[in-house]
Protein backbone atom coordinates (compact mmCIF):
# COMPACT_ATOMS: atom_id res chain seq x y z
CA UNK A 1 -26.51 50.82 -3.23
CA UNK A 2 -22.86 50.25 -4.15
CA UNK A 3 -20.08 51.11 -1.71
CA UNK A 4 -16.35 50.83 -2.39
CA UNK A 5 -13.86 50.21 0.42
CA UNK A 6 -10.33 51.35 -0.40
CA UNK A 7 -7.11 49.72 0.74
CA UNK A 8 -5.25 52.94 0.02
CA UNK A 9 -3.15 51.21 -2.63
CA UNK A 10 -1.91 53.40 -5.48
CA UNK A 11 -2.76 50.48 -7.78
CA UNK A 12 -6.52 50.59 -7.19
CA UNK A 13 -7.30 53.18 -9.88
CA UNK A 14 -5.04 51.88 -12.69
CA UNK A 15 -6.06 48.25 -12.10
CA UNK A 16 -9.69 49.14 -11.39
CA UNK A 17 -10.35 47.40 -8.08
CA UNK A 18 -11.29 48.07 -4.47
CA UNK A 19 -10.29 46.28 -1.27
CA UNK A 20 -13.98 45.42 -0.95
CA UNK A 21 -17.28 46.22 -2.61
CA UNK A 22 -20.69 46.17 -1.01
CA UNK A 23 -23.85 45.91 -3.07
CA UNK A 24 -26.97 45.72 -0.95
CA UNK A 25 -26.38 43.07 1.71
CA UNK A 26 -23.41 41.44 -0.08
CA UNK A 27 -19.76 42.29 0.60
CA UNK A 28 -16.93 40.84 -1.48
CA UNK A 29 -13.33 41.35 -0.37
CA UNK A 30 -10.65 41.24 -3.06
CA UNK A 31 -7.65 38.98 -2.90
CA UNK A 32 -5.75 40.17 0.15
CA UNK A 33 -1.99 39.76 0.37
CA UNK A 34 0.24 40.12 3.44
CA UNK A 35 1.21 43.74 2.74
CA UNK A 36 1.58 46.64 5.15
CA UNK A 37 2.66 50.05 3.84
CA UNK A 38 3.75 48.47 0.57
CA UNK A 39 6.00 45.87 2.19
CA UNK A 40 5.46 42.15 2.73
CA UNK A 41 4.98 41.25 6.39
CA UNK A 42 5.84 38.03 8.24
CA UNK A 43 8.15 36.81 5.48
CA UNK A 44 8.42 33.02 5.55
CA UNK A 45 5.54 32.52 8.04
CA UNK A 46 2.34 31.11 6.50
CA UNK A 47 0.44 31.20 9.80
CA UNK A 48 1.12 34.89 10.49
CA UNK A 49 0.60 35.92 6.86
CA UNK A 50 -2.78 34.13 6.79
CA UNK A 51 -3.88 35.69 10.06
CA UNK A 52 -2.81 39.12 8.81
CA UNK A 53 -4.67 38.77 5.49
CA UNK A 54 -7.87 37.58 7.15
CA UNK A 55 -7.70 40.39 9.71
CA UNK A 56 -7.34 42.97 6.91
CA UNK A 57 -10.36 41.43 5.19
CA UNK A 58 -12.43 41.59 8.35
CA UNK A 59 -11.54 45.28 8.77
CA UNK A 60 -12.81 45.93 5.23
CA UNK A 61 -16.03 44.05 6.00
CA UNK A 62 -16.51 46.13 9.14
CA UNK A 63 -15.88 49.33 7.17
CA UNK A 64 -18.57 48.18 4.72
CA UNK A 65 -21.03 47.72 7.61
CA UNK A 66 -20.60 44.01 8.26
CA UNK A 67 -19.00 41.87 10.93
CA UNK A 68 -17.35 38.51 11.50
CA UNK A 69 -20.76 36.87 11.91
CA UNK A 70 -21.70 37.89 8.34
CA UNK A 71 -18.83 35.98 6.69
CA UNK A 72 -20.16 33.12 4.55
CA UNK A 73 -17.12 32.09 2.45
CA UNK A 74 -13.35 32.24 2.60
CA UNK A 75 -10.74 31.23 0.06
CA UNK A 76 -7.16 30.54 1.09
CA UNK A 77 -4.65 30.41 -1.76
CA UNK A 78 -1.23 29.00 -0.90
CA UNK A 79 1.99 28.67 -2.88
CA UNK A 80 2.69 25.39 -1.07
CA UNK A 81 -0.34 23.27 -0.16
CA UNK A 82 1.84 21.34 2.30
CA UNK A 83 1.56 24.39 4.57
CA UNK A 84 -2.25 24.23 4.68
CA UNK A 85 -2.34 23.24 8.36
CA UNK A 86 -0.56 26.47 9.37
CA UNK A 87 -3.05 28.50 7.33
CA UNK A 88 -5.93 26.43 8.72
CA UNK A 89 -4.81 27.18 12.27
CA UNK A 90 -5.00 30.93 11.62
CA UNK A 91 -8.36 30.50 9.89
CA UNK A 92 -9.73 28.43 12.75
CA UNK A 93 -8.69 30.98 15.35
CA UNK A 94 -10.86 33.56 13.63
CA UNK A 95 -13.71 31.45 12.26
CA UNK A 96 -14.13 28.30 14.37
CA UNK A 97 -17.34 29.69 15.87
CA UNK A 98 -18.61 31.01 12.53
CA UNK A 99 -17.61 28.14 10.23
CA UNK A 100 -18.00 29.76 6.79
CA UNK A 101 -17.63 27.74 3.61
CA UNK A 102 -13.88 27.55 2.99
CA UNK A 103 -11.54 26.46 0.23
CA UNK A 104 -7.79 25.86 0.42
CA UNK A 105 -6.03 25.75 -2.94
CA UNK A 106 -2.45 25.73 -4.18
CA UNK A 107 -1.43 28.32 -6.75
CA UNK A 108 1.70 28.63 -8.84
CA UNK A 109 2.66 31.97 -7.35
CA UNK A 110 1.72 35.55 -6.55
CA UNK A 111 2.92 38.97 -7.72
CA UNK A 112 5.51 39.03 -4.92
CA UNK A 113 7.34 35.73 -4.28
CA UNK A 114 7.46 36.57 -0.54
CA UNK A 115 3.69 36.19 -0.36
CA UNK A 116 2.97 32.65 0.75
CA UNK A 117 -0.79 33.17 0.96
CA UNK A 118 -3.56 35.38 -0.35
CA UNK A 119 -7.15 35.31 0.88
CA UNK A 120 -10.62 36.25 -0.33
CA UNK A 121 -13.65 36.70 1.91
CA UNK A 122 -17.37 37.09 1.15
CA UNK A 123 -20.06 38.23 3.55
CA UNK A 124 -23.83 38.64 3.52
CA UNK A 125 -25.31 40.98 6.11
CA UNK A 126 -27.76 39.26 8.39
């Protein structure tokens, strides 16, 4: 079984991606940026952008039939690794009880320079 979860983005078809894809018990959530209705949210605030991205990812996991408890890995990509503690705070508020494998990494940049963070989340249904 393959299930696609849409973000509603007009770019999904031309790029060829989905917000998330579920195959069997596995759910993979695409890179999630701090975007709402095509606009960057919480400009300049790594903590709020991280929390927003992770919340969007969890909604996609729920739409695919999973839940917070099914999350096994997160990836937090930051344009400035010096801000990792702010991103980690947001991550911890959501996942401190779950404790998935997690990676924080610095990247050169994102499509929109107002994005300070982008996240990826993987889940396996239990």
